[in-house]
Amino acid sequence: MKIVPRNLQPVIEEWLFRGKVIIIYGARQVGKTTLVKELLFKHGDPKDYFNCEILSVMQVFQQNNPLLIKQVMGNSRLVVLDEAQYIQGIGQIIKTDTDIILR
C-alpha cells in the first residue's frame, strides 16, 4: 500500500514531545489513522496505539485510574488513542492523566 505524504505530518512532528496532547480530527476516511500509525512507527512504538473502539481498551480508560493507565502506557514517549470519542469524559480523563503522568 502506498502512503500519501501528509502536509500536516511535519507540523505535528514539530509539536511532539513537548508535554502536550495533540488532537487530530477530521472527516472519515481521510487518513488520520494512517498518519498516527506512521508517526508511531517513526517516533515511538506501534504497541502504543490504542483503538478505543475495542471494549477492553475502552474499559481501561473509562476507569479514569491514572495508575492503571500509567501501567498500561509504561514509559512510552508517544501514545495514540484512536477513536477516543467513544470514551465518555475523555477530555477530562486525558487532562487528569497527562498531568499525573508527566510529573
PDB file of N, CA and C in Angstrom:
ATOM      1  N   MET A   1       0.841  -1.177   0.000  1.00  0.00           N
ATOM      2  CA  MET A   1       0.000   0.000   0.000  1.00  0.00           C
ATOM      3  C   MET A   1       0.886   1.240   0.000  1.00  0.00           C
ATOM      4  N   LYS A   2       0.577   2.151  -0.865  1.00  0.00           N
ATOM      5  CA  LYS A   2       1.336   3.393  -0.960  1.00  0.00           C
ATOM      6  C   LYS A   2       0.767   4.406   0.031  1.00  0.00           C
ATOM      7  N   ILE A   3       1.642   4.986   0.836  1.00  0.00           N
ATOM      8  CA  ILE A   3       1.223   6.006   1.787  1.00  0.00           C
ATOM      9  C   ILE A   3       1.424   7.376   1.155  1.00  0.00           C
ATOM     10  N   VAL A   4       0.365   8.153   1.156  1.00  0.00           N
ATOM     11  CA  VAL A   4       0.424   9.503   0.602  1.00  0.00           C
ATOM     12  C   VAL A   4       1.054  10.425   1.648  1.00  0.00           C
ATOM     13  N   PRO A   5       2.105  11.163   1.269  1.00  0.00           N
ATOM     14  CA  PRO A   5       2.699  12.091   2.236  1.00  0.00           C
ATOM     15  C   PRO A   5       1.673  13.136   2.679  1.00  0.00           C
ATOM     16  N   ARG A   6       1.636  13.421   3.956  1.00  0.00           N
ATOM     17  CA  ARG A   6       0.688  14.382   4.509  1.00  0.00           C
ATOM     18  C   ARG A   6       1.413  15.679   4.837  1.00  0.00           C
ATOM     19  N   ASN A   7       0.882  16.795   4.357  1.00  0.00           N
ATOM     20  CA  ASN A   7       1.477  18.101   4.661  1.00  0.00           C
ATOM     21  C   ASN A   7       1.450  18.395   6.153  1.00  0.00           C
ATOM     22  N   LEU A   8       0.502  17.814   6.844  1.00  0.00           N
ATOM     23  CA  LEU A   8       0.340  18.054   8.271  1.00  0.00           C
ATOM     24  C   LEU A   8       1.382  17.323   9.123  1.00  0.00           C
ATOM     25  N   GLN A   9       1.975  16.265   8.591  1.00  0.00           N
ATOM     26  CA  GLN A   9       2.896  15.462   9.392  1.00  0.00           C
ATOM     27  C   GLN A   9       4.073  16.262   9.954  1.00  0.00           C
ATOM     28  N   PRO A  10       4.783  17.070   9.165  1.00  0.00           N
ATOM     29  CA  PRO A  10       5.890  17.840   9.742  1.00  0.00           C
ATOM     30  C   PRO A  10       5.429  18.838  10.798  1.00  0.00           C
ATOM     31  N   VAL A  11       4.240  19.377  10.635  1.00  0.00           N
ATOM     32  CA  VAL A  11       3.703  20.320  11.612  1.00  0.00           C
ATOM     33  C   VAL A  11       3.461  19.606  12.937  1.00  0.00           C
ATOM     34  N   ILE A  12       2.878  18.423  12.864  1.00  0.00           N
ATOM     35  CA  ILE A  12       2.642  17.629  14.081  1.00  0.00           C
ATOM     36  C   ILE A  12       3.971  17.239  14.713  1.00  0.00           C
ATOM     37  N   GLU A  13       4.924  16.821  13.902  1.00  0.00           N
ATOM     38  CA  GLU A  13       6.220  16.390  14.420  1.00  0.00           C
ATOM     39  C   GLU A  13       6.932  17.506  15.183  1.00  0.00           C
ATOM     40  N   GLU A  14       6.726  18.745  14.772  1.00  0.00           N
ATOM     41  CA  GLU A  14       7.317  19.878  15.493  1.00  0.00           C
ATOM     42  C   GLU A  14       6.789  19.974  16.913  1.00  0.00           C
ATOM     43  N   TRP A  15       5.552  19.536  17.140  1.00  0.00           N
ATOM     44  CA  TRP A  15       4.908  19.668  18.444  1.00  0.00           C
ATOM     45  C   TRP A  15       5.041  18.421  19.314  1.00  0.00           C
ATOM     46  N   LEU A  16       5.604  17.351  18.774  1.00  0.00           N
ATOM     47  CA  LEU A  16       5.770  16.133  19.568  1.00  0.00           C
ATOM     48  C   LEU A  16       6.756  16.360  20.717  1.00  0.00           C
ATOM     49  N   PHE A  17       6.518  15.655  21.795  1.00  0.00           N
ATOM     50  CA  PHE A  17       7.426  15.595  22.943  1.00  0.00           C
ATOM     51  C   PHE A  17       7.613  16.935  23.639  1.00  0.00           C
ATOM     52  N   ARG A  18       6.556  17.726  23.653  1.00  0.00           N
ATOM     53  CA  ARG A  18       6.570  18.999  24.377  1.00  0.00           C
ATOM     54  C   ARG A  18       5.665  18.943  25.602  1.00  0.00           C
ATOM     55  N   GLY A  19       5.272  17.727  25.998  1.00  0.00           N
ATOM     56  CA  GLY A  19       4.423  17.586  27.169  1.00  0.00           C
ATOM     57  C   GLY A  19       2.996  18.021  26.942  1.00  0.00           C
ATOM     58  N   LYS A  20       2.552  17.967  25.695  1.00  0.00           N
ATOM     59  CA  LYS A  20       1.205  18.402  25.345  1.00  0.00           C
ATOM     60  C   LYS A  20       0.450  17.271  24.658  1.00  0.00           C
ATOM     61  N   VAL A  21      -0.858  17.370  24.705  1.00  0.00           N
ATOM     62  CA  VAL A  21      -1.725  16.453  23.979  1.00  0.00           C
ATOM     63  C   VAL A  21      -1.989  17.062  22.608  1.00  0.00           C
ATOM     64  N   ILE A  22      -1.866  16.249  21.577  1.00  0.00           N
ATOM     65  CA  ILE A  22      -2.162  16.688  20.217  1.00  0.00           C
ATOM     66  C   ILE A  22      -3.407  15.935  19.767  1.00  0.00           C
ATOM     67  N   ILE A  23      -4.401  16.676  19.322  1.00  0.00           N
ATOM     68  CA  ILE A  23      -5.651  16.074  18.865  1.00  0.00           C
ATOM     69  C   ILE A  23      -5.725  16.210  17.352  1.00  0.00           C
ATOM     70  N   ILE A  24      -5.952  15.084  16.699  1.00  0.00           N
ATOM     71  CA  ILE A  24      -6.106  15.071  15.246  1.00  0.00           C
ATOM     72  C   ILE A  24      -7.534  14.646  14.954  1.00  0.00           C
ATOM     73  N   TYR A  25      -8.246  15.492  14.247  1.00  0.00           N
ATOM     74  CA  TYR A  25      -9.624  15.161  13.909  1.00  0.00           C
ATOM     75  C   TYR A  25      -9.896  15.588  12.477  1.00  0.00           C
ATOM     76  N   GLY A  26     -10.933  15.017  11.922  1.00  0.00           N
ATOM     77  CA  GLY A  26     -11.302  15.356  10.557  1.00  0.00           C
ATOM     78  C   GLY A  26     -12.364  14.409  10.049  1.00  0.00           C
ATOM     79  N   ALA A  27     -12.699  14.567   8.801  1.00  0.00           N
ATOM     80  CA  ALA A  27     -13.725  13.740   8.167  1.00  0.00           C
ATOM     81  C   ALA A  27     -13.290  12.278   8.126  1.00  0.00           C
ATOM     82  N   ARG A  28     -14.261  11.418   7.888  1.00  0.00           N
ATOM     83  CA  ARG A  28     -13.976   9.987   7.794  1.00  0.00           C
ATOM     84  C   ARG A  28     -13.138   9.691   6.545  1.00  0.00           C
ATOM     85  N   GLN A  29     -12.309   8.671   6.678  1.00  0.00           N
ATOM     86  CA  GLN A  29     -11.568   8.127   5.539  1.00  0.00           C
ATOM     87  C   GLN A  29     -10.595   9.110   4.890  1.00  0.00           C
ATOM     88  N   VAL A  30     -10.000  10.012   5.685  1.00  0.00           N
ATOM     89  CA  VAL A  30      -9.035  10.948   5.103  1.00  0.00           C
ATOM     90  C   VAL A  30      -7.595  10.597   5.467  1.00  0.00           C
ATOM     91  N   GLY A  31      -7.408   9.552   6.294  1.00  0.00           N
ATOM     92  CA  GLY A  31      -6.052   9.098   6.597  1.00  0.00           C
ATOM     93  C   GLY A  31      -5.544   9.440   7.986  1.00  0.00           C
ATOM     94  N   LYS A  32      -6.428   9.760   8.921  1.00  0.00           N
ATOM     95  CA  LYS A  32      -5.987  10.112  10.279  1.00  0.00           C
ATOM     96  C   LYS A  32      -5.275   8.939  10.950  1.00  0.00           C
ATOM     97  N   THR A  33      -5.874   7.755  10.868  1.00  0.00           N
ATOM     98  CA  THR A  33      -5.266   6.579  11.498  1.00  0.00           C
ATOM     99  C   THR A  33      -3.946   6.230  10.829  1.00  0.00           C
ATOM    100  N   THR A  34      -3.898   6.304   9.522  1.00  0.00           N
ATOM    101  CA  THR A  34      -2.649   6.035   8.803  1.00  0.00           C
ATOM    102  C   THR A  34      -1.561   7.022   9.236  1.00  0.00           C
ATOM    103  N   LEU A  35      -1.932   8.283   9.396  1.00  0.00           N
ATOM    104  CA  LEU A  35      -0.983   9.314   9.826  1.00  0.00           C
ATOM    105  C   LEU A  35      -0.439   9.013  11.220  1.00  0.00           C
ATOM    106  N   VAL A  36      -1.311   8.710  12.168  1.00  0.00           N
ATOM    107  CA  VAL A  36      -0.821   8.483  13.531  1.00  0.00           C
ATOM    108  C   VAL A  36       0.000   7.204  13.620  1.00  0.00           C
ATOM    109  N   LYS A  37      -0.354   6.195  12.842  1.00  0.00           N
ATOM    110  CA  LYS A  37       0.456   4.971  12.839  1.00  0.00           C
ATOM    111  C   LYS A  37       1.835   5.238  12.244  1.00  0.00           C
ATOM    112  N   GLU A  38       1.908   6.077  11.232  1.00  0.00           N
ATOM    113  CA  GLU A  38       3.202   6.476  10.651  1.00  0.00           C
ATOM    114  C   GLU A  38       4.025   7.242  11.684  1.00  0.00           C
ATOM    115  N   LEU A  39       3.381   8.141  12.429  1.00  0.00           N
ATOM    116  CA  LEU A  39       4.088   8.884  13.485  1.00  0.00           C
ATOM    117  C   LEU A  39       4.611   7.935  14.561  1.00  0.00           C
ATOM    118  N   LEU A  40       3.799   6.958  14.946  1.00  0.00           N
ATOM    119  CA  LEU A  40       4.257   5.975  15.938  1.00  0.00           C
ATOM    120  C   LEU A  40       5.424   5.159  15.409  1.00  0.00           C
ATOM    121  N   PHE A  41       5.346   4.743  14.156  1.00  0.00           N
ATOM    122  CA  PHE A  41       6.425   3.960  13.562  1.00  0.00           C
ATOM    123  C   PHE A  41       7.728   4.757  13.550  1.00  0.00           C
ATOM    124  N   LYS A  42       7.618   6.039  13.247  1.00  0.00           N
ATOM    125  CA  LYS A  42       8.801   6.893  13.110  1.00  0.00           C
ATOM    126  C   LYS A  42       9.345   7.383  14.456  1.00  0.00           C
ATOM    127  N   HIS A  43       8.451   7.680  15.409  1.00  0.00           N
ATOM    128  CA  HIS A  43       8.875   8.350  16.642  1.00  0.00           C
ATOM    129  C   HIS A  43       8.579   7.578  17.923  1.00  0.00           C
ATOM    130  N   GLY A  44       7.918   6.460  17.821  1.00  0.00           N
ATOM    131  CA  GLY A  44       7.513   5.753  19.030  1.00  0.00           C
ATOM    132  C   GLY A  44       7.556   4.257  18.831  1.00  0.00           C
ATOM    133  N   ASP A  45       6.530   3.599  19.306  1.00  0.00           N
ATOM    134  CA  ASP A  45       6.434   2.149  19.233  1.00  0.00           C
ATOM    135  C   ASP A  45       5.002   1.800  18.826  1.00  0.00           C
ATOM    136  N   PRO A  46       4.822   1.001  17.777  1.00  0.00           N
ATOM    137  CA  PRO A  46       3.470   0.655  17.332  1.00  0.00           C
ATOM    138  C   PRO A  46       2.597   0.028  18.429  1.00  0.00           C
ATOM    139  N   LYS A  47       3.192  -0.533  19.465  1.00  0.00           N
ATOM    140  CA  LYS A  47       2.393  -1.118  20.553  1.00  0.00           C
ATOM    141  C   LYS A  47       1.671  -0.040  21.360  1.00  0.00           C
ATOM    142  N   ASP A  48       2.031   1.209  21.184  1.00  0.00           N
ATOM    143  CA  ASP A  48       1.424   2.305  21.922  1.00  0.00           C
ATOM    144  C   ASP A  48       0.243   2.923  21.166  1.00  0.00           C
ATOM    145  N   TYR A  49      -0.332   2.137  20.279  1.00  0.00           N
ATOM    146  CA  TYR A  49      -1.548   2.510  19.556  1.00  0.00           C
ATOM    147  C   TYR A  49      -2.711   1.803  20.247  1.00  0.00           C
ATOM    148  N   PHE A  50      -3.693   2.582  20.707  1.00  0.00           N
ATOM    149  CA  PHE A  50      -4.849   2.025  21.390  1.00  0.00           C
ATOM    150  C   PHE A  50      -6.110   2.409  20.631  1.00  0.00           C
ATOM    151  N   ASN A  51      -6.825   1.404  20.140  1.00  0.00           N
ATOM    152  CA  ASN A  51      -8.077   1.631  19.436  1.00  0.00           C
ATOM    153  C   ASN A  51      -9.198   1.617  20.469  1.00  0.00           C
ATOM    154  N   CYS A  52      -9.767   2.765  20.740  1.00  0.00           N
ATOM    155  CA  CYS A  52     -10.771   2.908  21.796  1.00  0.00           C
ATOM    156  C   CYS A  52     -12.131   2.360  21.411  1.00  0.00           C
ATOM    157  N   GLU A  53     -12.268   1.817  20.204  1.00  0.00           N
ATOM    158  CA  GLU A  53     -13.498   1.107  19.838  1.00  0.00           C
ATOM    159  C   GLU A  53     -13.491  -0.305  20.416  1.00  0.00           C
ATOM    160  N   ILE A  54     -12.330  -0.792  20.813  1.00  0.00           N
ATOM    161  CA  ILE A  54     -12.206  -2.130  21.389  1.00  0.00           C
ATOM    162  C   ILE A  54     -12.602  -2.047  22.861  1.00  0.00           C
ATOM    163  N   LEU A  55     -13.527  -2.902  23.252  1.00  0.00           N
ATOM    164  CA  LEU A  55     -14.122  -2.837  24.587  1.00  0.00           C
ATOM    165  C   LEU A  55     -13.084  -2.874  25.700  1.00  0.00           C
ATOM    166  N   SER A  56     -12.105  -3.759  25.612  1.00  0.00           N
ATOM    167  CA  SER A  56     -11.103  -3.873  26.684  1.00  0.00           C
ATOM    168  C   SER A  56     -10.275  -2.601  26.818  1.00  0.00           C
ATOM    169  N   VAL A  57      -9.977  -1.962  25.708  1.00  0.00           N
ATOM    170  CA  VAL A  57      -9.233  -0.698  25.735  1.00  0.00           C
ATOM    171  C   VAL A  57     -10.122   0.389  26.327  1.00  0.00           C
ATOM    172  N   MET A  58     -11.356   0.442  25.877  1.00  0.00           N
ATOM    173  CA  MET A  58     -12.308   1.424  26.370  1.00  0.00           C
ATOM    174  C   MET A  58     -12.462   1.318  27.886  1.00  0.00           C
ATOM    175  N   GLN A  59     -12.547   0.098  28.395  1.00  0.00           N
ATOM    176  CA  GLN A  59     -12.749  -0.112  29.828  1.00  0.00           C
ATOM    177  C   GLN A  59     -11.567   0.394  30.651  1.00  0.00           C
ATOM    178  N   VAL A  60     -10.356   0.220  30.161  1.00  0.00           N
ATOM    179  CA  VAL A  60      -9.179   0.704  30.884  1.00  0.00           C
ATOM    180  C   VAL A  60      -9.244   2.211  31.049  1.00  0.00           C
ATOM    181  N   PHE A  61      -9.549   2.921  29.973  1.00  0.00           N
ATOM    182  CA  PHE A  61      -9.549   4.376  30.027  1.00  0.00           C
ATOM    183  C   PHE A  61     -10.777   4.935  30.739  1.00  0.00           C
ATOM    184  N   GLN A  62     -11.920   4.255  30.649  1.00  0.00           N
ATOM    185  CA  GLN A  62     -13.128   4.741  31.316  1.00  0.00           C
ATOM    186  C   GLN A  62     -13.021   4.665  32.836  1.00  0.00           C
ATOM    187  N   GLN A  63     -12.148   3.821  33.342  1.00  0.00           N
ATOM    188  CA  GLN A  63     -11.975   3.738  34.786  1.00  0.00           C
ATOM    189  C   GLN A  63     -11.365   5.021  35.345  1.00  0.00           C
ATOM    190  N   ASN A  64     -10.697   5.767  34.472  1.00  0.00           N
ATOM    191  CA  ASN A  64     -10.031   7.009  34.873  1.00  0.00           C
ATOM    192  C   ASN A  64      -9.151   6.793  36.093  1.00  0.00           C
ATOM    193  N   ASN A  65      -8.369   5.728  36.037  1.00  0.00           N
ATOM    194  CA  ASN A  65      -7.424   5.389  37.097  1.00  0.00           C
ATOM    195  C   ASN A  65      -6.022   5.683  36.565  1.00  0.00           C
ATOM    196  N   PRO A  66      -5.450   6.831  36.936  1.00  0.00           N
ATOM    197  CA  PRO A  66      -4.144   7.214  36.385  1.00  0.00           C
ATOM    198  C   PRO A  66      -3.047   6.171  36.606  1.00  0.00           C
ATOM    199  N   LEU A  67      -3.074   5.471  37.722  1.00  0.00           N
ATOM    200  CA  LEU A  67      -2.043   4.460  37.975  1.00  0.00           C
ATOM    201  C   LEU A  67      -2.180   3.284  37.014  1.00  0.00           C
ATOM    202  N   LEU A  68      -3.417   2.870  36.745  1.00  0.00           N
ATOM    203  CA  LEU A  68      -3.650   1.788  35.783  1.00  0.00           C
ATOM    204  C   LEU A  68      -3.244   2.229  34.382  1.00  0.00           C
ATOM    205  N   ILE A  69      -3.633   3.437  34.017  1.00  0.00           N
ATOM    206  CA  ILE A  69      -3.289   3.945  32.686  1.00  0.00           C
ATOM    207  C   ILE A  69      -1.780   4.076  32.544  1.00  0.00           C
ATOM    208  N   LYS A  70      -1.111   4.543  33.580  1.00  0.00           N
ATOM    209  CA  LYS A  70       0.355   4.645  33.560  1.00  0.00           C
ATOM    210  C   LYS A  70       0.973   3.259  33.387  1.00  0.00           C
ATOM    211  N   GLN A  71       0.387   2.264  34.054  1.00  0.00           N
ATOM    212  CA  GLN A  71       0.882   0.891  33.936  1.00  0.00           C
ATOM    213  C   GLN A  71       0.716   0.379  32.499  1.00  0.00           C
ATOM    214  N   VAL A  72      -0.412   0.669  31.883  1.00  0.00           N
ATOM    215  CA  VAL A  72      -0.664   0.233  30.505  1.00  0.00           C
ATOM    216  C   VAL A  72       0.285   0.941  29.541  1.00  0.00           C
ATOM    217  N   MET A  73       0.488   2.235  29.757  1.00  0.00           N
ATOM    218  CA  MET A  73       1.339   3.016  28.853  1.00  0.00           C
ATOM    219  C   MET A  73       2.821   2.822  29.127  1.00  0.00           C
ATOM    220  N   GLY A  74       3.167   2.454  30.341  1.00  0.00           N
ATOM    221  CA  GLY A  74       4.574   2.292  30.686  1.00  0.00           C
ATOM    222  C   GLY A  74       5.301   3.612  30.560  1.00  0.00           C
ATOM    223  N   ASN A  75       6.482   3.577  30.019  1.00  0.00           N
ATOM    224  CA  ASN A  75       7.290   4.783  29.833  1.00  0.00           C
ATOM    225  C   ASN A  75       7.255   5.263  28.388  1.00  0.00           C
ATOM    226  N   SER A  76       6.142   5.029  27.730  1.00  0.00           N
ATOM    227  CA  SER A  76       6.001   5.392  26.319  1.00  0.00           C
ATOM    228  C   SER A  76       6.182   6.888  26.125  1.00  0.00           C
ATOM    229  N   ARG A  77       6.890   7.237  25.083  1.00  0.00           N
ATOM    230  CA  ARG A  77       7.087   8.654  24.746  1.00  0.00           C
ATOM    231  C   ARG A  77       5.932   9.194  23.931  1.00  0.00           C
ATOM    232  N   LEU A  78       5.268   8.321  23.190  1.00  0.00           N
ATOM    233  CA  LEU A  78       4.205   8.733  22.287  1.00  0.00           C
ATOM    234  C   LEU A  78       3.101   7.690  22.360  1.00  0.00           C
ATOM    235  N   VAL A  79       1.890   8.127  22.664  1.00  0.00           N
ATOM    236  CA  VAL A  79       0.741   7.237  22.781  1.00  0.00           C
ATOM    237  C   VAL A  79      -0.374   7.768  21.887  1.00  0.00           C
ATOM    238  N   VAL A  80      -1.030   6.862  21.179  1.00  0.00           N
ATOM    239  CA  VAL A  80      -2.145   7.243  20.321  1.00  0.00           C
ATOM    240  C   VAL A  80      -3.415   6.582  20.842  1.00  0.00           C
ATOM    241  N   LEU A  81      -4.434   7.405  21.082  1.00  0.00           N
ATOM    242  CA  LEU A  81      -5.768   6.917  21.404  1.00  0.00           C
ATOM    243  C   LEU A  81      -6.640   7.179  20.188  1.00  0.00           C
ATOM    244  N   ASP A  82      -6.826   6.158  19.374  1.00  0.00           N
ATOM    245  CA  ASP A  82      -7.634   6.299  18.167  1.00  0.00           C
ATOM    246  C   ASP A  82      -9.098   6.081  18.524  1.00  0.00           C
ATOM    247  N   GLU A  83      -9.986   6.846  17.924  1.00  0.00           N
ATOM    248  CA  GLU A  83     -11.424   6.789  18.187  1.00  0.00           C
ATOM    249  C   GLU A  83     -11.717   7.074  19.663  1.00  0.00           C
ATOM    250  N   ALA A  84     -10.986   8.002  20.240  1.00  0.00           N
ATOM    251  CA  ALA A  84     -11.121   8.334  21.663  1.00  0.00           C
ATOM    252  C   ALA A  84     -12.494   8.888  22.004  1.00  0.00           C
ATOM    253  N   GLN A  85     -13.228   9.379  21.026  1.00  0.00           N
ATOM    254  CA  GLN A  85     -14.548   9.946  21.291  1.00  0.00           C
ATOM    255  C   GLN A  85     -15.518   8.905  21.842  1.00  0.00           C
ATOM    256  N   TYR A  86     -15.190   7.625  21.745  1.00  0.00           N
ATOM    257  CA  TYR A  86     -16.061   6.583  22.277  1.00  0.00           C
ATOM    258  C   TYR A  86     -15.959   6.451  23.796  1.00  0.00           C
ATOM    259  N   ILE A  87     -14.997   7.120  24.399  1.00  0.00           N
ATOM    260  CA  ILE A  87     -14.819   7.057  25.848  1.00  0.00           C
ATOM    261  C   ILE A  87     -15.491   8.271  26.475  1.00  0.00           C
ATOM    262  N   GLN A  88     -16.489   8.003  27.303  1.00  0.00           N
ATOM    263  CA  GLN A  88     -17.227   9.084  27.954  1.00  0.00           C
ATOM    264  C   GLN A  88     -16.280   9.891  28.842  1.00  0.00           C
ATOM    265  N   GLY A  89     -16.303  11.207  28.686  1.00  0.00           N
ATOM    266  CA  GLY A  89     -15.475  12.090  29.505  1.00  0.00           C
ATOM    267  C   GLY A  89     -13.996  12.047  29.154  1.00  0.00           C
ATOM    268  N   ILE A  90     -13.655  11.697  27.923  1.00  0.00           N
ATOM    269  CA  ILE A  90     -12.250  11.516  27.540  1.00  0.00           C
ATOM    270  C   ILE A  90     -11.427  12.790  27.715  1.00  0.00           C
ATOM    271  N   GLY A  91     -12.022  13.948  27.517  1.00  0.00           N
ATOM    272  CA  GLY A  91     -11.261  15.193  27.679  1.00  0.00           C
ATOM    273  C   GLY A  91     -10.716  15.343  29.087  1.00  0.00           C
ATOM    274  N   GLN A  92     -11.555  15.137  30.084  1.00  0.00           N
ATOM    275  CA  GLN A  92     -11.119  15.239  31.477  1.00  0.00           C
ATOM    276  C   GLN A  92     -10.154  14.114  31.837  1.00  0.00           C
ATOM    277  N   ILE A  93     -10.408  12.926  31.319  1.00  0.00           N
ATOM    278  CA  ILE A  93      -9.519  11.788  31.594  1.00  0.00           C
ATOM    279  C   ILE A  93      -8.118  12.089  31.067  1.00  0.00           C
ATOM    280  N   ILE A  94      -8.032  12.585  29.842  1.00  0.00           N
ATOM    281  CA  ILE A  94      -6.723  12.898  29.264  1.00  0.00           C
ATOM    282  C   ILE A  94      -6.037  13.998  30.053  1.00  0.00           C
ATOM    283  N   LYS A  95      -6.760  15.031  30.420  1.00  0.00           N
ATOM    284  CA  LYS A  95      -6.163  16.126  31.190  1.00  0.00           C
ATOM    285  C   LYS A  95      -5.616  15.622  32.516  1.00  0.00           C
ATOM    286  N   THR A  96      -6.430  14.893  33.265  1.00  0.00           N
ATOM    287  CA  THR A  96      -6.009  14.375  34.564  1.00  0.00           C
ATOM    288  C   THR A  96      -4.801  13.459  34.430  1.00  0.00           C
ATOM    289  N   ASP A  97      -4.915  12.505  33.517  1.00  0.00           N
ATOM    290  CA  ASP A  97      -3.842  11.525  33.370  1.00  0.00           C
ATOM    291  C   ASP A  97      -2.559  12.142  32.834  1.00  0.00           C
ATOM    292  N   THR A  98      -2.679  13.089  31.922  1.00  0.00           N
ATOM    293  CA  THR A  98      -1.483  13.756  31.395  1.00  0.00           C
ATOM    294  C   THR A  98      -0.789  14.529  32.497  1.00  0.00           C
ATOM    295  N   ASP A  99      -1.545  15.243  33.306  1.00  0.00           N
ATOM    296  CA  ASP A  99      -0.943  15.995  34.412  1.00  0.00           C
ATOM    297  C   ASP A  99      -0.206  15.075  35.367  1.00  0.00           C
ATOM    298  N   ILE A 100      -0.796  13.913  35.681  1.00  0.00           N
ATOM    299  CA  ILE A 100      -0.180  12.980  36.626  1.00  0.00           C
ATOM    300  C   ILE A 100       1.003  12.264  35.997  1.00  0.00           C
ATOM    301  N   ILE A 101       0.844  11.799  34.774  1.00  0.00           N
ATOM    302  CA  ILE A 101       1.899  11.007  34.111  1.00  0.00           C
ATOM    303  C   ILE A 101       3.130  11.857  33.825  1.00  0.00           C
ATOM    304  N   LEU A 102       2.948  13.130  33.505  1.00  0.00           N
ATOM    305  CA  LEU A 102       4.091  13.982  33.163  1.00  0.00           C
ATOM    306  C   LEU A 102       4.833  14.522  34.367  1.00  0.00           C
ATOM    307  N   ARG A 103       4.337  14.287  35.553  1.00  0.00           N
ATOM    308  CA  ARG A 103       5.049  14.768  36.754  1.00  0.00           C
ATOM    309  C   ARG A 103       6.333  14.050  36.964  1.00  0.00           C
TER     310      ARG A 103
END
